[in-house]
Amino acid sequence: PVFVYYYLIGDILGMLYVNQIMYAKKMHYMIPSNLIGFFGNITLNILLIPIWGALGAVAATTLTSLIQGLVTFQLGQKSYYLKHVGKKIFILFSISFIFTAGLYYLMFSEYSIVIKIMSKSSIILCFLYFCVKFNYIPYENGFRVFRNVFRILKSQK
């Protein structure tokens, strides 16, 4: 489960801010970010693997990815500033963390499969609602998703 956050933080953040750096033609800004990732990951692996084993490696990679993503964010904003992007990404990541934490709790719980499916469906619909509310998904697309989900639910009765 922790590795999902690695992709959420590292890869998604990186896709945005690496493009800012490339557009500004300041690829030398990637050097500090990559060095932090390289040395941070090695250091945290040395510290965490003896304590937690494979989970320590995952935690080290995730934490390093977070730090590297924040450094790349700052360098991307320095090279080509995007107004209000930091707040939007923070809100999106917060929503994602809150909802995935709920899903992981259900995954490891001892509830019946019916309760798990109903709860996970509710969590996903709430996530979609918040994404539409904060304009991460255009209203028309979000409405189409809700309509299709409810059509599927009605057809199963």
C-alpha atoms as a PDB file:
ATOM      1  CA  PRO A   1       0.000   0.000   0.000  1.00  0.00           C
ATOM      2  CA  VAL A   2       2.787   2.468   0.770  1.00  0.00           C
ATOM      3  CA  PHE A   3       4.225   2.033  -2.722  1.00  0.00           C
ATOM      4  CA  VAL A   4       1.060   3.577  -4.201  1.00  0.00           C
ATOM      5  CA  TYR A   5       2.038   6.821  -2.492  1.00  0.00           C
ATOM      6  CA  TYR A   6       5.459   6.600  -4.109  1.00  0.00           C
ATOM      7  CA  TYR A   7       3.853   6.726  -7.542  1.00  0.00           C
ATOM      8  CA  LEU A   8       1.379   9.382  -6.478  1.00  0.00           C
ATOM      9  CA  ILE A   9       4.064  11.683  -5.126  1.00  0.00           C
ATOM     10  CA  GLY A  10       7.111  10.917  -7.230  1.00  0.00           C
ATOM     11  CA  ASP A  11       5.803  10.184 -10.666  1.00  0.00           C
ATOM     12  CA  ILE A  12       2.799  12.501 -10.828  1.00  0.00           C
ATOM     13  CA  LEU A  13       4.608  15.459  -9.284  1.00  0.00           C
ATOM     14  CA  GLY A  14       7.623  14.750 -11.452  1.00  0.00           C
ATOM     15  CA  MET A  15       5.587  14.712 -14.652  1.00  0.00           C
ATOM     16  CA  LEU A  16       4.383  18.228 -13.995  1.00  0.00           C
ATOM     17  CA  TYR A  17       7.519  19.929 -12.741  1.00  0.00           C
ATOM     18  CA  VAL A  18      10.012  18.258 -15.027  1.00  0.00           C
ATOM     19  CA  ASN A  19       8.007  19.742 -17.905  1.00  0.00           C
ATOM     20  CA  GLN A  20       8.290  23.199 -16.330  1.00  0.00           C
ATOM     21  CA  ILE A  21      12.057  22.808 -16.057  1.00  0.00           C
ATOM     22  CA  MET A  22      12.352  21.495 -19.615  1.00  0.00           C
ATOM     23  CA  TYR A  23      10.191  24.318 -21.001  1.00  0.00           C
ATOM     24  CA  ALA A  24      12.394  26.904 -19.280  1.00  0.00           C
ATOM     25  CA  LYS A  25      15.468  25.088 -20.678  1.00  0.00           C
ATOM     26  CA  LYS A  26      17.025  24.755 -17.235  1.00  0.00           C
ATOM     27  CA  MET A  27      17.759  21.046 -17.151  1.00  0.00           C
ATOM     28  CA  HIS A  28      20.700  21.686 -14.807  1.00  0.00           C
ATOM     29  CA  TYR A  29      18.017  22.217 -12.121  1.00  0.00           C
ATOM     30  CA  MET A  30      17.447  18.454 -12.177  1.00  0.00           C
ATOM     31  CA  ILE A  31      20.910  17.722 -10.773  1.00  0.00           C
ATOM     32  CA  PRO A  32      20.190  18.701  -7.134  1.00  0.00           C
ATOM     33  CA  SER A  33      16.857  16.885  -7.186  1.00  0.00           C
ATOM     34  CA  ASN A  34      18.388  13.686  -8.538  1.00  0.00           C
ATOM     35  CA  LEU A  35      21.314  13.829  -6.105  1.00  0.00           C
ATOM     36  CA  ILE A  36      18.917  14.229  -3.190  1.00  0.00           C
ATOM     37  CA  GLY A  37      16.952  11.240  -4.448  1.00  0.00           C
ATOM     38  CA  PHE A  38      20.056   9.120  -4.983  1.00  0.00           C
ATOM     39  CA  PHE A  39      21.829   9.785  -1.688  1.00  0.00           C
ATOM     40  CA  GLY A  40      18.617  10.036   0.321  1.00  0.00           C
ATOM     41  CA  ASN A  41      17.398   6.671  -0.888  1.00  0.00           C
ATOM     42  CA  ILE A  42      20.708   4.947  -0.191  1.00  0.00           C
ATOM     43  CA  THR A  43      20.948   6.486   3.289  1.00  0.00           C
ATOM     44  CA  LEU A  44      17.362   5.664   4.246  1.00  0.00           C
ATOM     45  CA  ASN A  45      17.704   2.128   2.868  1.00  0.00           C
ATOM     46  CA  ILE A  46      20.782   1.573   5.034  1.00  0.00           C
ATOM     47  CA  LEU A  47      18.884   2.866   8.074  1.00  0.00           C
ATOM     48  CA  LEU A  48      15.430   1.340   7.504  1.00  0.00           C
ATOM     49  CA  ILE A  49      15.995  -2.060   5.870  1.00  0.00           C
ATOM     50  CA  PRO A  50      17.664  -3.604   8.943  1.00  0.00           C
ATOM     51  CA  ILE A  51      14.727  -2.439  11.085  1.00  0.00           C
ATOM     52  CA  TRP A  52      11.696  -3.071   8.838  1.00  0.00           C
ATOM     53  CA  GLY A  53      13.011  -5.267   6.019  1.00  0.00           C
ATOM     54  CA  ALA A  54      11.241  -4.880   2.680  1.00  0.00           C
ATOM     55  CA  LEU A  55       8.765  -2.405   4.168  1.00  0.00           C
ATOM     56  CA  GLY A  56      11.765  -0.270   5.162  1.00  0.00           C
ATOM     57  CA  ALA A  57      12.895  -0.186   1.535  1.00  0.00           C
ATOM     58  CA  VAL A  58       9.424   0.864   0.429  1.00  0.00           C
ATOM     59  CA  ALA A  59       9.240   3.526   3.148  1.00  0.00           C
ATOM     60  CA  ALA A  60      12.704   4.817   2.201  1.00  0.00           C
ATOM     61  CA  THR A  61      11.760   5.047  -1.465  1.00  0.00           C
ATOM     62  CA  THR A  62       8.471   6.761  -0.666  1.00  0.00           C
ATOM     63  CA  LEU A  63      10.005   9.275   1.737  1.00  0.00           C
ATOM     64  CA  THR A  64      12.846  10.033  -0.661  1.00  0.00           C
ATOM     65  CA  SER A  65      10.321  10.449  -3.454  1.00  0.00           C
ATOM     66  CA  LEU A  66       8.381  12.947  -1.345  1.00  0.00           C
ATOM     67  CA  ILE A  67      11.503  14.995  -0.585  1.00  0.00           C
ATOM     68  CA  GLN A  68      12.689  14.814  -4.183  1.00  0.00           C
ATOM     69  CA  GLY A  69       9.222  15.789  -5.421  1.00  0.00           C
ATOM     70  CA  LEU A  70       9.125  18.835  -3.138  1.00  0.00           C
ATOM     71  CA  VAL A  71      12.587  19.931  -4.290  1.00  0.00           C
ATOM     72  CA  THR A  72      11.579  19.440  -7.923  1.00  0.00           C
ATOM     73  CA  PHE A  73       8.377  21.399  -7.221  1.00  0.00           C
ATOM     74  CA  GLN A  74      10.392  24.350  -5.932  1.00  0.00           C
ATOM     75  CA  LEU A  75      12.847  24.186  -8.827  1.00  0.00           C
ATOM     76  CA  GLY A  76      10.032  23.871 -11.349  1.00  0.00           C
ATOM     77  CA  GLN A  77       8.280  26.911  -9.902  1.00  0.00           C
ATOM     78  CA  LYS A  78      11.594  28.788  -9.924  1.00  0.00           C
ATOM     79  CA  SER A  79      12.255  27.967 -13.570  1.00  0.00           C
ATOM     80  CA  TYR A  80       8.713  28.574 -14.884  1.00  0.00           C
ATOM     81  CA  TYR A  81       6.169  29.843 -12.373  1.00  0.00           C
ATOM     82  CA  LEU A  82       2.613  28.474 -12.503  1.00  0.00           C
ATOM     83  CA  LYS A  83       0.148  30.508 -10.453  1.00  0.00           C
ATOM     84  CA  HIS A  84      -1.920  28.643  -7.810  1.00  0.00           C
ATOM     85  CA  VAL A  85      -0.630  25.216  -8.820  1.00  0.00           C
ATOM     86  CA  GLY A  86       0.857  24.425  -5.400  1.00  0.00           C
ATOM     87  CA  LYS A  87      -2.443  24.847  -3.579  1.00  0.00           C
ATOM     88  CA  LYS A  88      -4.332  22.725  -6.113  1.00  0.00           C
ATOM     89  CA  ILE A  89      -1.811  19.893  -5.923  1.00  0.00           C
ATOM     90  CA  PHE A  90      -1.776  20.019  -2.125  1.00  0.00           C
ATOM     91  CA  ILE A  91      -5.583  19.712  -2.052  1.00  0.00           C
ATOM     92  CA  LEU A  92      -5.549  16.856  -4.579  1.00  0.00           C
ATOM     93  CA  PHE A  93      -2.880  14.922  -2.659  1.00  0.00           C
ATOM     94  CA  SER A  94      -4.703  15.519   0.631  1.00  0.00           C
ATOM     95  CA  ILE A  95      -7.948  14.182  -0.827  1.00  0.00           C
ATOM     96  CA  SER A  96      -6.087  11.204  -2.302  1.00  0.00           C
ATOM     97  CA  PHE A  97      -4.349  10.366   0.989  1.00  0.00           C
ATOM     98  CA  ILE A  98      -7.568  10.611   2.984  1.00  0.00           C
ATOM     99  CA  PHE A  99      -9.517   8.369   0.645  1.00  0.00           C
ATOM    100  CA  THR A 100      -6.780   5.795   0.075  1.00  0.00           C
ATOM    101  CA  ALA A 101      -6.224   5.546   3.831  1.00  0.00           C
ATOM    102  CA  GLY A 102      -9.898   4.602   4.163  1.00  0.00           C
ATOM    103  CA  LEU A 103      -9.586   2.050   1.378  1.00  0.00           C
ATOM    104  CA  TYR A 104      -6.493   0.472   2.937  1.00  0.00           C
ATOM    105  CA  TYR A 105      -8.219   0.285   6.300  1.00  0.00           C
ATOM    106  CA  LEU A 106     -11.073  -1.625   4.663  1.00  0.00           C
ATOM    107  CA  MET A 107      -8.665  -3.862   2.782  1.00  0.00           C
ATOM    108  CA  PHE A 108      -7.063  -5.101   6.002  1.00  0.00           C
ATOM    109  CA  SER A 109     -10.246  -5.214   8.087  1.00  0.00           C
ATOM    110  CA  GLU A 110     -12.310  -8.282   8.939  1.00  0.00           C
ATOM    111  CA  TYR A 111     -15.619  -6.963   7.613  1.00  0.00           C
ATOM    112  CA  SER A 112     -17.744  -9.043   5.253  1.00  0.00           C
ATOM    113  CA  ILE A 113     -17.124  -8.706   1.530  1.00  0.00           C
ATOM    114  CA  VAL A 114     -20.513  -7.032   1.000  1.00  0.00           C
ATOM    115  CA  ILE A 115     -19.726  -4.284   3.515  1.00  0.00           C
ATOM    116  CA  LYS A 116     -16.261  -3.835   1.987  1.00  0.00           C
ATOM    117  CA  ILE A 117     -17.668  -3.474  -1.529  1.00  0.00           C
ATOM    118  CA  MET A 118     -20.369  -1.031  -0.430  1.00  0.00           C
ATOM    119  CA  SER A 119     -17.871   0.998   1.612  1.00  0.00           C
ATOM    120  CA  LYS A 120     -15.271   1.102  -1.136  1.00  0.00           C
ATOM    121  CA  SER A 121     -17.892   2.134  -3.686  1.00  0.00           C
ATOM    122  CA  SER A 122     -19.024   4.934  -1.382  1.00  0.00           C
ATOM    123  CA  ILE A 123     -15.447   6.097  -0.850  1.00  0.00           C
ATOM    124  CA  ILE A 124     -14.768   6.134  -4.595  1.00  0.00           C
ATOM    125  CA  LEU A 125     -17.969   8.082  -5.285  1.00  0.00           C
ATOM    126  CA  CYS A 126     -17.052  10.595  -2.563  1.00  0.00           C
ATOM    127  CA  PHE A 127     -13.586  10.930  -4.098  1.00  0.00           C
ATOM    128  CA  LEU A 128     -15.120  11.626  -7.506  1.00  0.00           C
ATOM    129  CA  TYR A 129     -17.477  14.157  -5.926  1.00  0.00           C
ATOM    130  CA  PHE A 130     -14.585  16.069  -4.346  1.00  0.00           C
ATOM    131  CA  CYS A 131     -12.599  15.947  -7.573  1.00  0.00           C
ATOM    132  CA  VAL A 132     -15.551  17.498  -9.419  1.00  0.00           C
ATOM    133  CA  LYS A 133     -16.146  20.016  -6.603  1.00  0.00           C
ATOM    134  CA  PHE A 134     -12.529  21.235  -6.716  1.00  0.00           C
ATOM    135  CA  ASN A 135     -12.489  21.200 -10.567  1.00  0.00           C
ATOM    136  CA  TYR A 136      -9.955  18.394 -10.959  1.00  0.00           C
ATOM    137  CA  ILE A 137     -12.489  16.620 -13.130  1.00  0.00           C
ATOM    138  CA  PRO A 138     -14.718  18.800 -15.339  1.00  0.00           C
ATOM    139  CA  TYR A 139     -18.342  18.813 -14.162  1.00  0.00           C
ATOM    140  CA  GLU A 140     -19.634  17.204 -17.369  1.00  0.00           C
ATOM    141  CA  ASN A 141     -17.206  14.286 -17.098  1.00  0.00           C
ATOM    142  CA  GLY A 142     -17.903  13.808 -13.391  1.00  0.00           C
ATOM    143  CA  PHE A 143     -21.643  13.871 -13.970  1.00  0.00           C
ATOM    144  CA  ARG A 144     -21.233  11.273 -16.725  1.00  0.00           C
ATOM    145  CA  VAL A 145     -19.311   8.989 -14.318  1.00  0.00           C
ATOM    146  CA  PHE A 146     -21.999   9.320 -11.609  1.00  0.00           C
ATOM    147  CA  ARG A 147     -24.766   8.659 -14.142  1.00  0.00           C
ATOM    148  CA  ASN A 148     -23.033   5.512 -15.443  1.00  0.00           C
ATOM    149  CA  VAL A 149     -22.353   4.207 -11.932  1.00  0.00           C
ATOM    150  CA  PHE A 150     -25.979   4.661 -10.917  1.00  0.00           C
ATOM    151  CA  ARG A 151     -27.159   3.042 -14.173  1.00  0.00           C
ATOM    152  CA  ILE A 152     -24.974  -0.011 -13.402  1.00  0.00           C
ATOM    153  CA  LEU A 153     -26.254  -0.163  -9.814  1.00  0.00           C
ATOM    154  CA  LYS A 154     -29.890  -0.019 -10.981  1.00  0.00           C
ATOM    155  CA  SER A 155     -29.345  -2.761 -13.570  1.00  0.00           C
ATOM    156  CA  GLN A 156     -28.043  -5.142 -10.876  1.00  0.00           C
ATOM    157  CA  LYS A 157     -31.261  -5.027  -8.844  1.00  0.00           C
END
